[in-house]
């Protein structure tokens, strides 16, 4: 979206520019100015370090490290490029590296930063005043790490990755800082584009709802495990899908056809997938692809998992929900002479 200059006689467009064309460098210019006016890209934060790299790999340095009013660390990465490069991956590494920073360490880091800048403020008191704390509260410091990415533009790959990461409980913001004009008359258009400010509260509520839903789904998942006995041999502590496979494998080894087993479990659609001929796993996958959709992840289709009968090769589904235990019970009761049994162990 272009920027316009309004005059009494006309509305004049201002030419879009690039930082490189304007002679603006990433560190000596953009970073130098933003560190003292960080509220432009990250409101309510206090910069405590610049070019922070207190780890073994000294080549990796955070452009600006800050804290917010909630005592979270804020990693701020700057790029003057037109697509942002791979800054989201770099920032994630940095966030992980600083995630263990303590309040005392932060005070030391801030003290070094102030000394290098000949700033006479007391580091600990300045942080306490900023946070509104009367004394240090280590347990409440750096409970989270936020990320702010600042660039002239962001590629679709970056924004897609950031939206996905935010949906999975990270806090990453993309702030576009775009230059217009010429070196003598320069303007900066600064906008947070992810998440959109006007939609931020809504997106937070949606993210929290999704998190609750995921937590509910995890809590409701059936993680039952079973001991399965086949012909006197006990296979212990099997997850449900493997337990079902073991029961079916025992029945097939005893000469029962997959076609007849499918009839016993007639309520289960697509119990087996079959191809013509007695083939190995690689050939099975090739032939199965001829009748899509075929997703190997959803089938027991390794060489030692395939069943061969009636001139065909069969693969058993591994998609078993709450009725997996019911399927085993039904098979064991129907084939009562097969000497197969199972017991739930949790």
C-alpha atoms as a PDB file:
ATOM      1  CA  UNK A   1       0.000   0.000   0.000  1.00  0.00           C
ATOM      2  CA  UNK A   2       1.668   3.298  -1.089  1.00  0.00           C
ATOM      3  CA  UNK A   3       2.066   6.323   1.148  1.00  0.00           C
ATOM      4  CA  UNK A   4       0.857   9.727  -0.029  1.00  0.00           C
ATOM      5  CA  UNK A   5       1.792  13.300   0.818  1.00  0.00           C
ATOM      6  CA  UNK A   6      -1.248  15.530   1.245  1.00  0.00           C
ATOM      7  CA  UNK A   7      -1.005  19.166   0.110  1.00  0.00           C
ATOM      8  CA  UNK A   8      -3.614  21.834  -0.497  1.00  0.00           C
ATOM      9  CA  UNK A   9      -3.356  21.203  -4.219  1.00  0.00           C
ATOM     10  CA  UNK A  10      -2.803  17.460  -4.587  1.00  0.00           C
ATOM     11  CA  UNK A  11      -2.320  14.060  -3.012  1.00  0.00           C
ATOM     12  CA  UNK A  12       1.135  12.985  -4.111  1.00  0.00           C
ATOM     13  CA  UNK A  13       2.499   9.441  -3.874  1.00  0.00           C
ATOM     14  CA  UNK A  14       5.832   8.990  -2.100  1.00  0.00           C
ATOM     15  CA  UNK A  15       8.131   6.546  -3.850  1.00  0.00           C
ATOM     16  CA  UNK A  16       8.830   3.253  -2.103  1.00  0.00           C
ATOM     17  CA  UNK A  17      12.527   2.699  -1.348  1.00  0.00           C
ATOM     18  CA  UNK A  18      14.863   0.087   0.127  1.00  0.00           C
ATOM     19  CA  UNK A  19      17.225   0.476   3.041  1.00  0.00           C
ATOM     20  CA  UNK A  20      20.183  -0.479   0.868  1.00  0.00           C
ATOM     21  CA  UNK A  21      19.309   2.164  -1.751  1.00  0.00           C
ATOM     22  CA  UNK A  22      19.060   4.760   1.017  1.00  0.00           C
ATOM     23  CA  UNK A  23      22.423   3.723   2.474  1.00  0.00           C
ATOM     24  CA  UNK A  24      20.913   2.551   5.778  1.00  0.00           C
ATOM     25  CA  UNK A  25      22.785  -0.306   7.431  1.00  0.00           C
ATOM     26  CA  UNK A  26      21.254  -2.905   9.676  1.00  0.00           C
ATOM     27  CA  UNK A  27      23.444  -2.455  12.735  1.00  0.00           C
ATOM     28  CA  UNK A  28      25.040   0.984  12.583  1.00  0.00           C
ATOM     29  CA  UNK A  29      21.823   2.771  11.633  1.00  0.00           C
ATOM     30  CA  UNK A  30      18.590   0.851  12.166  1.00  0.00           C
ATOM     31  CA  UNK A  31      19.619  -1.038  15.282  1.00  0.00           C
ATOM     32  CA  UNK A  32      21.377   1.981  16.791  1.00  0.00           C
ATOM     33  CA  UNK A  33      18.263   4.125  16.569  1.00  0.00           C
ATOM     34  CA  UNK A  34      15.720   1.489  17.528  1.00  0.00           C
ATOM     35  CA  UNK A  35      17.534   0.466  20.715  1.00  0.00           C
ATOM     36  CA  UNK A  36      16.703   3.902  22.174  1.00  0.00           C
ATOM     37  CA  UNK A  37      13.181   3.984  20.738  1.00  0.00           C
ATOM     38  CA  UNK A  38      12.287   0.345  21.026  1.00  0.00           C
ATOM     39  CA  UNK A  39       8.626   1.207  21.632  1.00  0.00           C
ATOM     40  CA  UNK A  40       8.378   1.803  17.871  1.00  0.00           C
ATOM     41  CA  UNK A  41       8.566  -1.938  17.215  1.00  0.00           C
ATOM     42  CA  UNK A  42       8.074  -3.467  20.682  1.00  0.00           C
ATOM     43  CA  UNK A  43       5.960  -1.329  23.031  1.00  0.00           C
ATOM     44  CA  UNK A  44       6.370  -1.722  26.799  1.00  0.00           C
ATOM     45  CA  UNK A  45       9.796  -3.335  26.631  1.00  0.00           C
ATOM     46  CA  UNK A  46      13.170  -2.449  28.131  1.00  0.00           C
ATOM     47  CA  UNK A  47      16.315  -3.223  26.137  1.00  0.00           C
ATOM     48  CA  UNK A  48      18.864  -4.930  28.397  1.00  0.00           C
ATOM     49  CA  UNK A  49      21.459  -6.018  25.820  1.00  0.00           C
ATOM     50  CA  UNK A  50      22.669  -5.380  22.297  1.00  0.00           C
ATOM     51  CA  UNK A  51      24.528  -7.953  20.210  1.00  0.00           C
ATOM     52  CA  UNK A  52      23.975 -10.416  23.032  1.00  0.00           C
ATOM     53  CA  UNK A  53      26.036 -13.590  22.681  1.00  0.00           C
ATOM     54  CA  UNK A  54      26.821 -15.034  26.112  1.00  0.00           C
ATOM     55  CA  UNK A  55      27.298 -18.610  24.917  1.00  0.00           C
ATOM     56  CA  UNK A  56      30.056 -20.752  23.446  1.00  0.00           C
ATOM     57  CA  UNK A  57      29.275 -19.944  19.812  1.00  0.00           C
ATOM     58  CA  UNK A  58      30.191 -16.264  19.844  1.00  0.00           C
ATOM     59  CA  UNK A  59      29.227 -15.884  16.168  1.00  0.00           C
ATOM     60  CA  UNK A  60      25.555 -16.049  17.100  1.00  0.00           C
ATOM     61  CA  UNK A  61      24.317 -12.791  18.576  1.00  0.00           C
ATOM     62  CA  UNK A  62      20.864 -11.457  19.365  1.00  0.00           C
ATOM     63  CA  UNK A  63      20.409  -8.014  17.847  1.00  0.00           C
ATOM     64  CA  UNK A  64      18.482  -6.680  20.844  1.00  0.00           C
ATOM     65  CA  UNK A  65      17.458  -8.494  24.016  1.00  0.00           C
ATOM     66  CA  UNK A  66      14.704  -6.952  26.119  1.00  0.00           C
ATOM     67  CA  UNK A  67      12.207  -7.691  28.876  1.00  0.00           C
ATOM     68  CA  UNK A  68       8.518  -6.793  28.899  1.00  0.00           C
ATOM     69  CA  UNK A  69       6.243  -5.643  31.720  1.00  0.00           C
ATOM     70  CA  UNK A  70       5.360  -9.271  32.522  1.00  0.00           C
ATOM     71  CA  UNK A  71       9.064 -10.082  33.086  1.00  0.00           C
ATOM     72  CA  UNK A  72       9.249 -12.149  29.907  1.00  0.00           C
ATOM     73  CA  UNK A  73      12.390 -12.033  27.805  1.00  0.00           C
ATOM     74  CA  UNK A  74      11.961 -10.526  24.339  1.00  0.00           C
ATOM     75  CA  UNK A  75      14.278 -11.497  21.475  1.00  0.00           C
ATOM     76  CA  UNK A  76      14.262  -8.749  18.823  1.00  0.00           C
ATOM     77  CA  UNK A  77      15.776  -9.584  15.437  1.00  0.00           C
ATOM     78  CA  UNK A  78      16.296  -6.948  12.750  1.00  0.00           C
ATOM     79  CA  UNK A  79      16.705  -7.410   9.012  1.00  0.00           C
ATOM     80  CA  UNK A  80      16.757  -4.739   6.367  1.00  0.00           C
ATOM     81  CA  UNK A  81      16.204  -7.307   3.600  1.00  0.00           C
ATOM     82  CA  UNK A  82      13.098  -7.459   1.451  1.00  0.00           C
ATOM     83  CA  UNK A  83      11.989 -10.939   2.519  1.00  0.00           C
ATOM     84  CA  UNK A  84      13.285 -11.422   6.075  1.00  0.00           C
ATOM     85  CA  UNK A  85      15.616 -14.263   5.122  1.00  0.00           C
ATOM     86  CA  UNK A  86      15.348 -17.120   7.643  1.00  0.00           C
ATOM     87  CA  UNK A  87      15.100 -14.861  10.654  1.00  0.00           C
ATOM     88  CA  UNK A  88      12.319 -16.848  12.321  1.00  0.00           C
ATOM     89  CA  UNK A  89      14.545 -19.942  12.599  1.00  0.00           C
ATOM     90  CA  UNK A  90      17.430 -17.870  13.888  1.00  0.00           C
ATOM     91  CA  UNK A  91      15.203 -16.166  16.463  1.00  0.00           C
ATOM     92  CA  UNK A  92      13.855 -19.522  17.670  1.00  0.00           C
ATOM     93  CA  UNK A  93      17.415 -20.715  18.329  1.00  0.00           C
ATOM     94  CA  UNK A  94      18.162 -17.542  20.237  1.00  0.00           C
ATOM     95  CA  UNK A  95      14.959 -17.803  22.258  1.00  0.00           C
ATOM     96  CA  UNK A  96      15.923 -21.323  23.326  1.00  0.00           C
ATOM     97  CA  UNK A  97      19.426 -20.156  24.251  1.00  0.00           C
ATOM     98  CA  UNK A  98      18.247 -17.343  26.549  1.00  0.00           C
ATOM     99  CA  UNK A  99      15.269 -19.203  28.024  1.00  0.00           C
ATOM    100  CA  UNK A 100      17.245 -20.172  31.145  1.00  0.00           C
ATOM    101  CA  UNK A 101      18.434 -16.633  31.905  1.00  0.00           C
ATOM    102  CA  UNK A 102      17.848 -15.767  35.579  1.00  0.00           C
ATOM    103  CA  UNK A 103      17.013 -12.388  37.074  1.00  0.00           C
ATOM    104  CA  UNK A 104      20.547 -12.065  38.494  1.00  0.00           C
ATOM    105  CA  UNK A 105      22.094 -12.897  35.141  1.00  0.00           C
ATOM    106  CA  UNK A 106      19.809 -10.372  33.456  1.00  0.00           C
ATOM    107  CA  UNK A 107      20.994  -7.696  35.881  1.00  0.00           C
ATOM    108  CA  UNK A 108      24.627  -8.520  35.018  1.00  0.00           C
ATOM    109  CA  UNK A 109      23.873  -8.427  31.287  1.00  0.00           C
ATOM    110  CA  UNK A 110      22.059  -5.106  31.640  1.00  0.00           C
ATOM    111  CA  UNK A 111      24.924  -3.724  33.714  1.00  0.00           C
ATOM    112  CA  UNK A 112      27.415  -4.574  30.953  1.00  0.00           C
ATOM    113  CA  UNK A 113      25.141  -2.923  28.396  1.00  0.00           C
ATOM    114  CA  UNK A 114      24.814   0.264  30.463  1.00  0.00           C
ATOM    115  CA  UNK A 115      28.590   0.468  31.093  1.00  0.00           C
ATOM    116  CA  UNK A 116      29.398   0.126  27.397  1.00  0.00           C
ATOM    117  CA  UNK A 117      27.026   3.000  26.723  1.00  0.00           C
ATOM    118  CA  UNK A 118      28.334   5.060  29.685  1.00  0.00           C
ATOM    119  CA  UNK A 119      24.801   5.092  31.057  1.00  0.00           C
ATOM    120  CA  UNK A 120      24.847   5.791  34.795  1.00  0.00           C
ATOM    121  CA  UNK A 121      21.599   4.040  35.680  1.00  0.00           C
ATOM    122  CA  UNK A 122      21.685   1.280  38.302  1.00  0.00           C
ATOM    123  CA  UNK A 123      20.856  -1.930  36.416  1.00  0.00           C
ATOM    124  CA  UNK A 124      18.965  -3.807  39.126  1.00  0.00           C
ATOM    125  CA  UNK A 125      16.898  -0.846  40.274  1.00  0.00           C
ATOM    126  CA  UNK A 126      16.083   0.125  36.712  1.00  0.00           C
ATOM    127  CA  UNK A 127      14.733  -3.367  35.992  1.00  0.00           C
ATOM    128  CA  UNK A 128      12.797  -3.465  39.266  1.00  0.00           C
ATOM    129  CA  UNK A 129      11.252  -0.068  38.555  1.00  0.00           C
ATOM    130  CA  UNK A 130      10.336  -1.144  35.022  1.00  0.00           C
ATOM    131  CA  UNK A 131       8.648  -4.321  36.289  1.00  0.00           C
ATOM    132  CA  UNK A 132       7.010  -2.585  39.245  1.00  0.00           C
ATOM    133  CA  UNK A 133       8.706  -4.961  41.675  1.00  0.00           C
ATOM    134  CA  UNK A 134       9.975  -4.010  45.112  1.00  0.00           C
ATOM    135  CA  UNK A 135      12.486  -6.857  45.112  1.00  0.00           C
ATOM    136  CA  UNK A 136      13.732  -9.591  42.812  1.00  0.00           C
ATOM    137  CA  UNK A 137      11.333 -12.461  42.149  1.00  0.00           C
ATOM    138  CA  UNK A 138      13.376 -15.170  40.476  1.00  0.00           C
ATOM    139  CA  UNK A 139      10.467 -17.606  40.148  1.00  0.00           C
ATOM    140  CA  UNK A 140       8.460 -15.034  38.179  1.00  0.00           C
ATOM    141  CA  UNK A 141      11.275 -13.932  35.876  1.00  0.00           C
ATOM    142  CA  UNK A 142      11.586 -15.186  32.281  1.00  0.00           C
ATOM    143  CA  UNK A 143       8.732 -17.659  32.514  1.00  0.00           C
ATOM    144  CA  UNK A 144       8.344 -17.156  28.770  1.00  0.00           C
ATOM    145  CA  UNK A 145      10.320 -15.806  25.805  1.00  0.00           C
ATOM    146  CA  UNK A 146       8.660 -13.641  23.191  1.00  0.00           C
ATOM    147  CA  UNK A 147      10.056 -12.929  19.727  1.00  0.00           C
ATOM    148  CA  UNK A 148       9.743  -9.756  17.658  1.00  0.00           C
ATOM    149  CA  UNK A 149      10.902  -9.942  14.035  1.00  0.00           C
ATOM    150  CA  UNK A 150      11.528  -6.594  12.330  1.00  0.00           C
ATOM    151  CA  UNK A 151      12.110  -6.439   8.585  1.00  0.00           C
ATOM    152  CA  UNK A 152      11.394  -4.330   5.529  1.00  0.00           C
ATOM    153  CA  UNK A 153       9.224  -7.194   4.263  1.00  0.00           C
ATOM    154  CA  UNK A 154       8.385 -10.803   5.103  1.00  0.00           C
ATOM    155  CA  UNK A 155       8.149 -13.748   2.742  1.00  0.00           C
ATOM    156  CA  UNK A 156       5.068 -15.937   2.740  1.00  0.00           C
ATOM    157  CA  UNK A 157       7.194 -18.757   4.159  1.00  0.00           C
ATOM    158  CA  UNK A 158       8.017 -16.668   7.233  1.00  0.00           C
ATOM    159  CA  UNK A 159       4.488 -15.444   7.886  1.00  0.00           C
ATOM    160  CA  UNK A 160       3.079 -18.953   7.421  1.00  0.00           C
ATOM    161  CA  UNK A 161       5.652 -20.377   9.840  1.00  0.00           C
ATOM    162  CA  UNK A 162       4.991 -17.632  12.394  1.00  0.00           C
ATOM    163  CA  UNK A 163       1.212 -18.107  12.237  1.00  0.00           C
ATOM    164  CA  UNK A 164       1.665 -21.856  12.770  1.00  0.00           C
ATOM    165  CA  UNK A 165       4.086 -21.340  15.665  1.00  0.00           C
ATOM    166  CA  UNK A 166       1.758 -18.830  17.299  1.00  0.00           C
ATOM    167  CA  UNK A 167      -1.051 -21.347  17.024  1.00  0.00           C
ATOM    168  CA  UNK A 168       1.164 -23.734  18.989  1.00  0.00           C
ATOM    169  CA  UNK A 169       1.593 -21.438  21.983  1.00  0.00           C
ATOM    170  CA  UNK A 170       4.537 -19.273  20.953  1.00  0.00           C
ATOM    171  CA  UNK A 171       4.402 -15.483  20.890  1.00  0.00           C
ATOM    172  CA  UNK A 172       6.081 -14.198  17.720  1.00  0.00           C
ATOM    173  CA  UNK A 173       5.308 -10.871  16.112  1.00  0.00           C
ATOM    174  CA  UNK A 174       6.285  -9.597  12.686  1.00  0.00           C
ATOM    175  CA  UNK A 175       6.770  -5.840  12.428  1.00  0.00           C
ATOM    176  CA  UNK A 176       7.270  -4.439   8.946  1.00  0.00           C
ATOM    177  CA  UNK A 177       9.364  -1.271   8.797  1.00  0.00           C
ATOM    178  CA  UNK A 178       9.334   0.022   5.240  1.00  0.00           C
ATOM    179  CA  UNK A 179      11.186   3.107   3.941  1.00  0.00           C
ATOM    180  CA  UNK A 180       9.798   5.666   1.503  1.00  0.00           C
ATOM    181  CA  UNK A 181      11.252   8.737  -0.138  1.00  0.00           C
ATOM    182  CA  UNK A 182      14.909   9.633  -0.614  1.00  0.00           C
ATOM    183  CA  UNK A 183      17.915  10.216   1.702  1.00  0.00           C
ATOM    184  CA  UNK A 184      16.984  13.880   2.150  1.00  0.00           C
ATOM    185  CA  UNK A 185      13.300  13.265   2.819  1.00  0.00           C
ATOM    186  CA  UNK A 186      12.786   9.813   4.269  1.00  0.00           C
ATOM    187  CA  UNK A 187       9.668   8.318   5.878  1.00  0.00           C
ATOM    188  CA  UNK A 188       9.222   4.978   7.648  1.00  0.00           C
ATOM    189  CA  UNK A 189       5.979   3.030   7.587  1.00  0.00           C
ATOM    190  CA  UNK A 190       5.941   0.801  10.695  1.00  0.00           C
ATOM    191  CA  UNK A 191       3.182  -1.784  10.995  1.00  0.00           C
ATOM    192  CA  UNK A 192       2.723  -4.984  12.967  1.00  0.00           C
ATOM    193  CA  UNK A 193       1.455  -7.429  10.375  1.00  0.00           C
ATOM    194  CA  UNK A 194       1.437 -10.670  12.401  1.00  0.00           C
ATOM    195  CA  UNK A 195      -0.705 -10.830  14.355  1.00  0.00           C
ATOM    196  CA  UNK A 196      -2.766  -7.946  13.020  1.00  0.00           C
ATOM    197  CA  UNK A 197      -3.273  -5.550  15.947  1.00  0.00           C
ATOM    198  CA  UNK A 198      -7.008  -5.251  15.367  1.00  0.00           C
ATOM    199  CA  UNK A 199      -7.332  -9.035  15.383  1.00  0.00           C
ATOM    200  CA  UNK A 200      -4.793  -9.785  18.099  1.00  0.00           C
ATOM    201  CA  UNK A 201      -7.251 -10.213  20.975  1.00  0.00           C
ATOM    202  CA  UNK A 202      -9.427 -12.424  18.802  1.00  0.00           C
ATOM    203  CA  UNK A 203      -6.449 -14.525  17.706  1.00  0.00           C
ATOM    204  CA  UNK A 204      -5.350 -14.938  21.317  1.00  0.00           C
ATOM    205  CA  UNK A 205      -8.812 -16.199  22.239  1.00  0.00           C
ATOM    206  CA  UNK A 206      -8.829 -18.566  19.258  1.00  0.00           C
ATOM    207  CA  UNK A 207      -5.351 -19.854  20.170  1.00  0.00           C
ATOM    208  CA  UNK A 208      -6.395 -20.420  23.777  1.00  0.00           C
ATOM    209  CA  UNK A 209      -9.509 -22.265  22.617  1.00  0.00           C
ATOM    210  CA  UNK A 210      -7.448 -24.472  20.315  1.00  0.00           C
ATOM    211  CA  UNK A 211      -5.019 -25.178  23.146  1.00  0.00           C
ATOM    212  CA  UNK A 212      -7.888 -26.223  25.402  1.00  0.00           C
ATOM    213  CA  UNK A 213      -9.296 -28.429  22.655  1.00  0.00           C
ATOM    214  CA  UNK A 214      -5.906 -30.074  22.048  1.00  0.00           C
ATOM    215  CA  UNK A 215      -5.487 -30.637  25.782  1.00  0.00           C
ATOM    216  CA  UNK A 216      -8.958 -32.147  25.959  1.00  0.00           C
ATOM    217  CA  UNK A 217      -8.225 -34.452  23.017  1.00  0.00           C
ATOM    218  CA  UNK A 218      -4.951 -35.558  24.598  1.00  0.00           C
ATOM    219  CA  UNK A 219      -6.721 -36.216  27.897  1.00  0.00           C
ATOM    220  CA  UNK A 220      -9.419 -38.272  26.174  1.00  0.00           C
ATOM    221  CA  UNK A 221      -7.085 -40.384  24.067  1.00  0.00           C
ATOM    222  CA  UNK A 222      -6.991 -44.053  24.871  1.00  0.00           C
ATOM    223  CA  UNK A 223      -3.436 -44.986  25.787  1.00  0.00           C
ATOM    224  CA  UNK A 224      -4.395 -48.500  26.894  1.00  0.00           C
ATOM    225  CA  UNK A 225      -1.754 -51.201  26.629  1.00  0.00           C
ATOM    226  CA  UNK A 226      -2.233 -54.953  26.498  1.00  0.00           C
ATOM    227  CA  UNK A 227      -0.520 -58.271  27.054  1.00  0.00           C
ATOM    228  CA  UNK A 228      -1.415 -60.590  24.163  1.00  0.00           C
ATOM    229  CA  UNK A 229      -0.937 -64.364  24.376  1.00  0.00           C
ATOM    230  CA  UNK A 230      -0.648 -66.312  21.130  1.00  0.00           C
ATOM    231  CA  UNK A 231      -0.126 -70.068  21.351  1.00  0.00           C
ATOM    232  CA  UNK A 232       1.352 -69.817  24.830  1.00  0.00           C
ATOM    233  CA  UNK A 233       3.735 -66.959  23.947  1.00  0.00           C
ATOM    234  CA  UNK A 234       3.043 -63.704  25.788  1.00  0.00           C
ATOM    235  CA  UNK A 235       3.838 -60.386  24.117  1.00  0.00           C
ATOM    236  CA  UNK A 236       3.729 -57.758  26.838  1.00  0.00           C
ATOM    237  CA  UNK A 237       2.728 -54.132  27.159  1.00  0.00           C
ATOM    238  CA  UNK A 238       1.676 -53.591  23.555  1.00  0.00           C
ATOM    239  CA  UNK A 239      -0.038 -50.361  22.501  1.00  0.00           C
ATOM    240  CA  UNK A 240      -3.568 -50.930  21.272  1.00  0.00           C
ATOM    241  CA  UNK A 241      -2.892 -50.843  17.535  1.00  0.00           C
ATOM    242  CA  UNK A 242      -0.004 -53.295  17.896  1.00  0.00           C
ATOM    243  CA  UNK A 243      -2.146 -55.522  20.120  1.00  0.00           C
ATOM    244  CA  UNK A 244      -4.874 -55.678  17.466  1.00  0.00           C
ATOM    245  CA  UNK A 245      -2.246 -56.508  14.837  1.00  0.00           C
ATOM    246  CA  UNK A 246      -0.813 -59.286  17.029  1.00  0.00           C
ATOM    247  CA  UNK A 247      -4.253 -60.875  17.443  1.00  0.00           C
ATOM    248  CA  UNK A 248      -4.919 -60.716  13.683  1.00  0.00           C
ATOM    249  CA  UNK A 249      -1.419 -62.011  12.906  1.00  0.00           C
ATOM    250  CA  UNK A 250      -2.009 -64.982  15.212  1.00  0.00           C
ATOM    251  CA  UNK A 251      -5.295 -65.767  13.472  1.00  0.00           C
ATOM    252  CA  UNK A 252      -3.743 -65.545   9.995  1.00  0.00           C
ATOM    253  CA  UNK A 253      -0.804 -67.718  11.057  1.00  0.00           C
ATOM    254  CA  UNK A 254      -3.346 -70.296  12.187  1.00  0.00           C
ATOM    255  CA  UNK A 255      -4.757 -70.401   8.633  1.00  0.00           C
ATOM    256  CA  UNK A 256      -7.650 -67.979   8.909  1.00  0.00           C
ATOM    257  CA  UNK A 257      -8.180 -65.861   5.815  1.00  0.00           C
ATOM    258  CA  UNK A 258      -8.139 -62.058   6.027  1.00  0.00           C
ATOM    259  CA  UNK A 259     -11.351 -62.130   3.999  1.00  0.00           C
ATOM    260  CA  UNK A 260     -13.131 -64.145   6.714  1.00  0.00           C
ATOM    261  CA  UNK A 261     -11.664 -61.980   9.485  1.00  0.00           C
ATOM    262  CA  UNK A 262     -13.121 -58.963   7.674  1.00  0.00           C
ATOM    263  CA  UNK A 263     -16.544 -60.621   7.787  1.00  0.00           C
ATOM    264  CA  UNK A 264     -16.278 -61.092  11.551  1.00  0.00           C
ATOM    265  CA  UNK A 265     -15.497 -57.393  11.940  1.00  0.00           C
ATOM    266  CA  UNK A 266     -18.001 -56.329   9.294  1.00  0.00           C
ATOM    267  CA  UNK A 267     -18.635 -53.045  11.132  1.00  0.00           C
ATOM    268  CA  UNK A 268     -15.006 -52.009  10.518  1.00  0.00           C
ATOM    269  CA  UNK A 269     -14.689 -50.459   7.081  1.00  0.00           C
ATOM    270  CA  UNK A 270     -11.412 -50.960   5.202  1.00  0.00           C
ATOM    271  CA  UNK A 271      -9.993 -53.471   7.674  1.00  0.00           C
ATOM    272  CA  UNK A 272      -7.553 -54.787   5.057  1.00  0.00           C
ATOM    273  CA  UNK A 273      -6.034 -53.358   1.906  1.00  0.00           C
ATOM    274  CA  UNK A 274      -5.110 -55.993  -0.669  1.00  0.00           C
ATOM    275  CA  UNK A 275      -3.211 -56.288  -3.944  1.00  0.00           C
ATOM    276  CA  UNK A 276      -2.984 -59.190  -6.369  1.00  0.00           C
ATOM    277  CA  UNK A 277      -0.064 -61.610  -5.980  1.00  0.00           C
ATOM    278  CA  UNK A 278       2.300 -62.538  -3.191  1.00  0.00           C
ATOM    279  CA  UNK A 279       4.558 -59.492  -3.064  1.00  0.00           C
ATOM    280  CA  UNK A 280       7.017 -57.728  -0.774  1.00  0.00           C
ATOM    281  CA  UNK A 281       6.483 -54.373   0.935  1.00  0.00           C
ATOM    282  CA  UNK A 282       8.006 -52.255  -1.846  1.00  0.00           C
ATOM    283  CA  UNK A 283       5.876 -53.904  -4.532  1.00  0.00           C
ATOM    284  CA  UNK A 284       2.813 -53.721  -2.301  1.00  0.00           C
ATOM    285  CA  UNK A 285       3.249 -49.965  -1.911  1.00  0.00           C
ATOM    286  CA  UNK A 286       3.680 -49.545  -5.662  1.00  0.00           C
ATOM    287  CA  UNK A 287       0.572 -51.548  -6.489  1.00  0.00           C
ATOM    288  CA  UNK A 288      -1.475 -49.921  -3.710  1.00  0.00           C
ATOM    289  CA  UNK A 289      -0.684 -46.514  -5.192  1.00  0.00           C
ATOM    290  CA  UNK A 290      -2.600 -47.554  -8.305  1.00  0.00           C
ATOM    291  CA  UNK A 291      -5.817 -47.361  -6.275  1.00  0.00           C
ATOM    292  CA  UNK A 292      -5.430 -44.120  -4.330  1.00  0.00           C
ATOM    293  CA  UNK A 293      -5.675 -42.757  -1.774  1.00  0.00           C
ATOM    294  CA  UNK A 294      -2.967 -44.902  -0.162  1.00  0.00           C
ATOM    295  CA  UNK A 295      -1.003 -43.602   2.826  1.00  0.00           C
ATOM    296  CA  UNK A 296       1.522 -46.119   4.120  1.00  0.00           C
ATOM    297  CA  UNK A 297       1.466 -44.486   7.560  1.00  0.00           C
ATOM    298  CA  UNK A 298      -2.095 -45.747   8.063  1.00  0.00           C
ATOM    299  CA  UNK A 299      -1.334 -49.437   7.383  1.00  0.00           C
ATOM    300  CA  UNK A 300       0.834 -52.225   8.751  1.00  0.00           C
ATOM    301  CA  UNK A 301       2.695 -52.723   5.489  1.00  0.00           C
ATOM    302  CA  UNK A 302       6.306 -53.614   6.277  1.00  0.00           C
ATOM    303  CA  UNK A 303       7.653 -56.926   4.974  1.00  0.00           C
ATOM    304  CA  UNK A 304       7.098 -58.700   8.302  1.00  0.00           C
ATOM    305  CA  UNK A 305       3.599 -57.223   8.674  1.00  0.00           C
ATOM    306  CA  UNK A 306       1.963 -58.254   5.403  1.00  0.00           C
ATOM    307  CA  UNK A 307      -0.370 -61.266   5.164  1.00  0.00           C
ATOM    308  CA  UNK A 308      -0.571 -63.520   2.114  1.00  0.00           C
ATOM    309  CA  UNK A 309      -3.573 -65.691   1.316  1.00  0.00           C
ATOM    310  CA  UNK A 310      -5.718 -66.682  -1.653  1.00  0.00           C
ATOM    311  CA  UNK A 311      -3.153 -65.337  -4.149  1.00  0.00           C
ATOM    312  CA  UNK A 312      -3.244 -61.873  -2.612  1.00  0.00           C
ATOM    313  CA  UNK A 313      -1.178 -59.781  -0.217  1.00  0.00           C
ATOM    314  CA  UNK A 314      -3.012 -57.964   2.598  1.00  0.00           C
ATOM    315  CA  UNK A 315      -2.133 -55.071   4.903  1.00  0.00           C
ATOM    316  CA  UNK A 316      -4.086 -54.465   8.123  1.00  0.00           C
ATOM    317  CA  UNK A 317      -5.161 -50.937   9.064  1.00  0.00           C
ATOM    318  CA  UNK A 318      -3.415 -49.412  12.075  1.00  0.00           C
ATOM    319  CA  UNK A 319      -6.159 -46.837  12.653  1.00  0.00           C
ATOM    320  CA  UNK A 320      -7.895 -48.013  15.819  1.00  0.00           C
ATOM    321  CA  UNK A 321      -9.988 -45.722  17.972  1.00  0.00           C
ATOM    322  CA  UNK A 322     -12.039 -46.616  21.039  1.00  0.00           C
ATOM    323  CA  UNK A 323     -13.339 -49.818  19.410  1.00  0.00           C
ATOM    324  CA  UNK A 324      -9.934 -51.471  19.093  1.00  0.00           C
ATOM    325  CA  UNK A 325     -10.389 -53.443  22.316  1.00  0.00           C
ATOM    326  CA  UNK A 326     -13.887 -54.437  21.211  1.00  0.00           C
ATOM    327  CA  UNK A 327     -12.441 -55.731  17.908  1.00  0.00           C
ATOM    328  CA  UNK A 328      -9.938 -57.939  19.748  1.00  0.00           C
ATOM    329  CA  UNK A 329     -12.648 -59.278  22.056  1.00  0.00           C
ATOM    330  CA  UNK A 330     -14.884 -60.091  19.115  1.00  0.00           C
ATOM    331  CA  UNK A 331     -12.088 -61.936  17.283  1.00  0.00           C
ATOM    332  CA  UNK A 332     -10.952 -63.894  20.332  1.00  0.00           C
ATOM    333  CA  UNK A 333     -14.525 -65.020  21.053  1.00  0.00           C
ATOM    334  CA  UNK A 334     -15.260 -65.922  17.427  1.00  0.00           C
ATOM    335  CA  UNK A 335     -12.019 -67.876  17.029  1.00  0.00           C
ATOM    336  CA  UNK A 336     -12.139 -69.439  20.489  1.00  0.00           C
ATOM    337  CA  UNK A 337     -10.117 -72.466  19.364  1.00  0.00           C
ATOM    338  CA  UNK A 338      -7.158 -70.354  18.176  1.00  0.00           C
ATOM    339  CA  UNK A 339      -5.552 -70.230  21.640  1.00  0.00           C
ATOM    340  CA  UNK A 340      -5.329 -66.426  21.590  1.00  0.00           C
ATOM    341  CA  UNK A 341      -6.134 -64.158  24.513  1.00  0.00           C
ATOM    342  CA  UNK A 342      -5.349 -60.646  25.733  1.00  0.00           C
ATOM    343  CA  UNK A 343      -5.354 -58.681  28.977  1.00  0.00           C
ATOM    344  CA  UNK A 344      -5.416 -54.939  29.507  1.00  0.00           C
ATOM    345  CA  UNK A 345      -2.480 -53.865  31.679  1.00  0.00           C
ATOM    346  CA  UNK A 346      -3.307 -50.197  32.406  1.00  0.00           C
END
